[in-house]
């Protein structure tokens, strides 16, 4: 059995000045719940966790499978004063925060797939959805702790296969995400983002486009740096890429 999500246990792992924390049994989506709270006039420095999501969401309209008792499904609400350029780094920052939390709790080192997914043993174990509502950031993170996948999903999605970690993992992640302001000043998280990239040096295709590219690096604002087969240089600031199935 995986560990029950318990507010008091999570708060016990956090230092003073903890955020307002809500733990729900079931919700459609923690990001959607965060938007409802904002619409009610409840503002930032809140964390919403759920044991189950019935309509978990990912980037580009994708769904995130979120069954009961097997994952960490969380959204953090935070007011910000970031520049437009800095906003482009929030998702990479969150990916590194999730990576660091997983390393601290589980001792395993996932890879990061630009821009927002973490992979372990070739399968996706974590997804991130960052949204902006006026001056409030909503950073949603889903991590598969013991989730078992069937059918087509089993070929592409995996989990940490780690029991009893959800409360500590939640606290580790919250602590790192709340360091956003300082992290944006230092930008050292980009070092890890590049070092753990699973795409640099790989040949990829851009979803919805023809042609193949070699990933040459990741820029200072999180952009994917590409070189086409004929040597043309390109930067990709949004979208999705897949590793090309060619030798």
Foldseek 3Di string as FASTA:
>chain_A
DFDDADPVLLVVLADPPQFAEEEEAEEQAQLVVVVVCVVVVNAFSYKYWYQFHNFAAAPPGDGDHGDGPFKTKMKHKDFDDDDPLLVLCLQLLLQLLLQVLCCVQPVDGWFDEPPFFTDDPQATFKGWDWDDDPRMIIIIMMGGACDDDDDPNNVHHDHVNDGHCRSSSVNSSSVSSVCSVVCSVVVPSVVVNFVRHPQAQFWKDFPPDDFIWHFPTADSSGWTWTAGPVGDIDTHSDGHIDGDPDD
